[in-house]
Amino acid sequence: MLREMGKRDKDLLMQFLEKYATVMPRTMLRYSIEKFEEEERQYYMGLKKN
């Protein structure tokens, strides 16, 4: 669902991820960012580690 939302409004998805990436299940986060550029994916996966 989030991935599809990102296709329509990537900025909105990025705002959502900034707020919730640290508490989202890892699988959900991965699906959400799979269409992002490599640098963006690394950034959001890095948030999960902290």
PDB file of N, CA and C in Angstrom:
ATOM      1  N   MET A   1       0.818  -1.185   0.000  1.00  0.00           N
ATOM      2  CA  MET A   1       0.000   0.000   0.000  1.00  0.00           C
ATOM      3  C   MET A   1       0.867   1.256   0.000  1.00  0.00           C
ATOM      4  N   LEU A   2       1.872   1.306   0.853  1.00  0.00           N
ATOM      5  CA  LEU A   2       2.735   2.486   0.909  1.00  0.00           C
ATOM      6  C   LEU A   2       3.516   2.663  -0.385  1.00  0.00           C
ATOM      7  N   ARG A   3       3.973   1.565  -0.947  1.00  0.00           N
ATOM      8  CA  ARG A   3       4.720   1.645  -2.205  1.00  0.00           C
ATOM      9  C   ARG A   3       3.858   2.273  -3.291  1.00  0.00           C
ATOM     10  N   GLU A   4       2.609   1.882  -3.357  1.00  0.00           N
ATOM     11  CA  GLU A   4       1.697   2.428  -4.364  1.00  0.00           C
ATOM     12  C   GLU A   4       1.425   3.907  -4.115  1.00  0.00           C
ATOM     13  N   MET A   5       1.314   4.280  -2.855  1.00  0.00           N
ATOM     14  CA  MET A   5       1.131   5.691  -2.530  1.00  0.00           C
ATOM     15  C   MET A   5       2.353   6.494  -2.996  1.00  0.00           C
ATOM     16  N   GLY A   6       3.524   5.926  -2.831  1.00  0.00           N
ATOM     17  CA  GLY A   6       4.750   6.589  -3.245  1.00  0.00           C
ATOM     18  C   GLY A   6       4.832   6.808  -4.744  1.00  0.00           C
ATOM     19  N   LYS A   7       4.176   5.964  -5.510  1.00  0.00           N
ATOM     20  CA  LYS A   7       4.148   6.158  -6.964  1.00  0.00           C
ATOM     21  C   LYS A   7       3.377   7.421  -7.322  1.00  0.00           C
ATOM     22  N   ARG A   8       2.367   7.743  -6.529  1.00  0.00           N
ATOM     23  CA  ARG A   8       1.533   8.925  -6.789  1.00  0.00           C
ATOM     24  C   ARG A   8       2.100  10.182  -6.141  1.00  0.00           C
ATOM     25  N   ASP A   9       2.656  10.044  -4.943  1.00  0.00           N
ATOM     26  CA  ASP A   9       3.150  11.211  -4.213  1.00  0.00           C
ATOM     27  C   ASP A   9       4.357  10.802  -3.365  1.00  0.00           C
ATOM     28  N   LYS A  10       5.522  10.814  -3.982  1.00  0.00           N
ATOM     29  CA  LYS A  10       6.739  10.369  -3.305  1.00  0.00           C
ATOM     30  C   LYS A  10       7.063  11.252  -2.103  1.00  0.00           C
ATOM     31  N   ASP A  11       6.829  12.554  -2.227  1.00  0.00           N
ATOM     32  CA  ASP A  11       7.118  13.458  -1.109  1.00  0.00           C
ATOM     33  C   ASP A  11       6.294  13.102   0.125  1.00  0.00           C
ATOM     34  N   LEU A  12       5.044  12.763  -0.081  1.00  0.00           N
ATOM     35  CA  LEU A  12       4.183  12.375   1.035  1.00  0.00           C
ATOM     36  C   LEU A  12       4.693  11.087   1.680  1.00  0.00           C
ATOM     37  N   LEU A  13       5.100  10.135   0.870  1.00  0.00           N
ATOM     38  CA  LEU A  13       5.655   8.889   1.400  1.00  0.00           C
ATOM     39  C   LEU A  13       6.925   9.168   2.192  1.00  0.00           C
ATOM     40  N   MET A  14       7.777  10.039   1.682  1.00  0.00           N
ATOM     41  CA  MET A  14       9.020  10.353   2.383  1.00  0.00           C
ATOM     42  C   MET A  14       8.733  11.025   3.731  1.00  0.00           C
ATOM     43  N   GLN A  15       7.740  11.883   3.780  1.00  0.00           N
ATOM     44  CA  GLN A  15       7.354  12.508   5.052  1.00  0.00           C
ATOM     45  C   GLN A  15       6.874  11.446   6.045  1.00  0.00           C
ATOM     46  N   PHE A  16       6.081  10.519   5.547  1.00  0.00           N
ATOM     47  CA  PHE A  16       5.581   9.434   6.389  1.00  0.00           C
ATOM     48  C   PHE A  16       6.744   8.588   6.919  1.00  0.00           C
ATOM     49  N   LEU A  17       7.688   8.261   6.041  1.00  0.00           N
ATOM     50  CA  LEU A  17       8.817   7.429   6.444  1.00  0.00           C
ATOM     51  C   LEU A  17       9.716   8.131   7.450  1.00  0.00           C
ATOM     52  N   GLU A  18       9.894   9.436   7.307  1.00  0.00           N
ATOM     53  CA  GLU A  18      10.695  10.186   8.280  1.00  0.00           C
ATOM     54  C   GLU A  18      10.118  10.021   9.684  1.00  0.00           C
ATOM     55  N   LYS A  19       8.820   9.963   9.759  1.00  0.00           N
ATOM     56  CA  LYS A  19       8.148   9.869  11.057  1.00  0.00           C
ATOM     57  C   LYS A  19       8.086   8.433  11.588  1.00  0.00           C
ATOM     58  N   TYR A  20       7.863   7.464  10.696  1.00  0.00           N
ATOM     59  CA  TYR A  20       7.553   6.110  11.147  1.00  0.00           C
ATOM     60  C   TYR A  20       8.564   5.023  10.776  1.00  0.00           C
ATOM     61  N   ALA A  21       9.594   5.330  10.022  1.00  0.00           N
ATOM     62  CA  ALA A  21      10.529   4.291   9.573  1.00  0.00           C
ATOM     63  C   ALA A  21      11.176   3.550  10.739  1.00  0.00           C
ATOM     64  N   THR A  22      11.422   4.248  11.825  1.00  0.00           N
ATOM     65  CA  THR A  22      12.097   3.610  12.959  1.00  0.00           C
ATOM     66  C   THR A  22      11.227   2.589  13.682  1.00  0.00           C
ATOM     67  N   VAL A  23       9.916   2.684  13.529  1.00  0.00           N
ATOM     68  CA  VAL A  23       9.022   1.761  14.244  1.00  0.00           C
ATOM     69  C   VAL A  23       8.289   0.789  13.319  1.00  0.00           C
ATOM     70  N   MET A  24       8.473   0.945  12.022  1.00  0.00           N
ATOM     71  CA  MET A  24       7.817   0.060  11.053  1.00  0.00           C
ATOM     72  C   MET A  24       8.497  -1.303  11.043  1.00  0.00           C
ATOM     73  N   PRO A  25       7.755  -2.358  10.784  1.00  0.00           N
ATOM     74  CA  PRO A  25       8.400  -3.650  10.555  1.00  0.00           C
ATOM     75  C   PRO A  25       9.350  -3.549   9.357  1.00  0.00           C
ATOM     76  N   ARG A  26      10.461  -4.241   9.435  1.00  0.00           N
ATOM     77  CA  ARG A  26      11.494  -4.166   8.397  1.00  0.00           C
ATOM     78  C   ARG A  26      10.947  -4.512   7.011  1.00  0.00           C
ATOM     79  N   THR A  27      10.122  -5.536   6.922  1.00  0.00           N
ATOM     80  CA  THR A  27       9.553  -5.945   5.636  1.00  0.00           C
ATOM     81  C   THR A  27       8.683  -4.841   5.049  1.00  0.00           C
ATOM     82  N   MET A  28       7.896  -4.218   5.871  1.00  0.00           N
ATOM     83  CA  MET A  28       7.041  -3.118   5.425  1.00  0.00           C
ATOM     84  C   MET A  28       7.888  -1.963   4.897  1.00  0.00           C
ATOM     85  N   LEU A  29       8.963  -1.644   5.599  1.00  0.00           N
ATOM     86  CA  LEU A  29       9.856  -0.578   5.168  1.00  0.00           C
ATOM     87  C   LEU A  29      10.499  -0.927   3.830  1.00  0.00           C
ATOM     88  N   ARG A  30      10.974  -2.146   3.694  1.00  0.00           N
ATOM     89  CA  ARG A  30      11.614  -2.571   2.437  1.00  0.00           C
ATOM     90  C   ARG A  30      10.669  -2.447   1.246  1.00  0.00           C
ATOM     91  N   TYR A  31       9.451  -2.900   1.401  1.00  0.00           N
ATOM     92  CA  TYR A  31       8.477  -2.771   0.312  1.00  0.00           C
ATOM     93  C   TYR A  31       8.182  -1.311   0.006  1.00  0.00           C
ATOM     94  N   SER A  32       8.136  -0.482   1.026  1.00  0.00           N
ATOM     95  CA  SER A  32       7.826   0.940   0.841  1.00  0.00           C
ATOM     96  C   SER A  32       8.882   1.665   0.023  1.00  0.00           C
ATOM     97  N   ILE A  33      10.138   1.238   0.164  1.00  0.00           N
ATOM     98  CA  ILE A  33      11.238   1.966  -0.474  1.00  0.00           C
ATOM     99  C   ILE A  33      11.834   1.242  -1.676  1.00  0.00           C
ATOM    100  N   GLU A  34      11.234   0.165  -2.119  1.00  0.00           N
ATOM    101  CA  GLU A  34      11.857  -0.622  -3.182  1.00  0.00           C
ATOM    102  C   GLU A  34      11.985   0.117  -4.512  1.00  0.00           C
ATOM    103  N   LYS A  35      11.189   1.145  -4.755  1.00  0.00           N
ATOM    104  CA  LYS A  35      11.279   1.912  -6.000  1.00  0.00           C
ATOM    105  C   LYS A  35      12.173   3.146  -5.854  1.00  0.00           C
ATOM    106  N   PHE A  36      12.713   3.379  -4.663  1.00  0.00           N
ATOM    107  CA  PHE A  36      13.580   4.529  -4.422  1.00  0.00           C
ATOM    108  C   PHE A  36      14.962   4.290  -5.024  1.00  0.00           C
ATOM    109  N   GLU A  37      15.715   5.365  -5.186  1.00  0.00           N
ATOM    110  CA  GLU A  37      17.112   5.267  -5.603  1.00  0.00           C
ATOM    111  C   GLU A  37      17.909   4.603  -4.476  1.00  0.00           C
ATOM    112  N   GLU A  38      19.060   4.036  -4.827  1.00  0.00           N
ATOM    113  CA  GLU A  38      19.891   3.311  -3.865  1.00  0.00           C
ATOM    114  C   GLU A  38      20.230   4.167  -2.638  1.00  0.00           C
ATOM    115  N   GLU A  39      20.633   5.412  -2.847  1.00  0.00           N
ATOM    116  CA  GLU A  39      20.994   6.287  -1.725  1.00  0.00           C
ATOM    117  C   GLU A  39      19.819   6.486  -0.771  1.00  0.00           C
ATOM    118  N   GLU A  40      18.642   6.672  -1.334  1.00  0.00           N
ATOM    119  CA  GLU A  40      17.449   6.867  -0.503  1.00  0.00           C
ATOM    120  C   GLU A  40      17.122   5.606   0.281  1.00  0.00           C
ATOM    121  N   ARG A  41      17.248   4.453  -0.365  1.00  0.00           N
ATOM    122  CA  ARG A  41      16.984   3.187   0.333  1.00  0.00           C
ATOM    123  C   ARG A  41      17.950   3.012   1.499  1.00  0.00           C
ATOM    124  N   GLN A  42      19.218   3.300   1.270  1.00  0.00           N
ATOM    125  CA  GLN A  42      20.210   3.165   2.336  1.00  0.00           C
ATOM    126  C   GLN A  42      19.899   4.098   3.497  1.00  0.00           C
ATOM    127  N   TYR A  43      19.479   5.314   3.174  1.00  0.00           N
ATOM    128  CA  TYR A  43      19.142   6.282   4.218  1.00  0.00           C
ATOM    129  C   TYR A  43      18.020   5.754   5.111  1.00  0.00           C
ATOM    130  N   TYR A  44      16.933   5.301   4.508  1.00  0.00           N
ATOM    131  CA  TYR A  44      15.789   4.849   5.303  1.00  0.00           C
ATOM    132  C   TYR A  44      16.078   3.543   6.037  1.00  0.00           C
ATOM    133  N   MET A  45      16.847   2.656   5.444  1.00  0.00           N
ATOM    134  CA  MET A  45      17.226   1.439   6.153  1.00  0.00           C
ATOM    135  C   MET A  45      18.156   1.780   7.315  1.00  0.00           C
ATOM    136  N   GLY A  46      18.972   2.815   7.149  1.00  0.00           N
ATOM    137  CA  GLY A  46      19.842   3.269   8.233  1.00  0.00           C
ATOM    138  C   GLY A  46      19.061   3.822   9.409  1.00  0.00           C
ATOM    139  N   LEU A  47      17.938   4.447   9.151  1.00  0.00           N
ATOM    140  CA  LEU A  47      17.095   4.948  10.239  1.00  0.00           C
ATOM    141  C   LEU A  47      16.596   3.791  11.099  1.00  0.00           C
ATOM    142  N   LYS A  48      16.331   2.680  10.451  1.00  0.00           N
ATOM    143  CA  LYS A  48      15.805   1.501  11.150  1.00  0.00           C
ATOM    144  C   LYS A  48      16.829   0.957  12.147  1.00  0.00           C
ATOM    145  N   LYS A  49      18.111   1.086  11.845  1.00  0.00           N
ATOM    146  CA  LYS A  49      19.163   0.543  12.710  1.00  0.00           C
ATOM    147  C   LYS A  49      19.328   1.340  13.992  1.00  0.00           C
ATOM    148  N   ASN A  50      18.994   2.616  13.942  1.00  0.00           N
ATOM    149  CA  ASN A  50      19.217   3.485  15.113  1.00  0.00           C
ATOM    150  C   ASN A  50      18.181   3.320  16.176  1.00  0.00           C
TER     151      ASN A  50
END
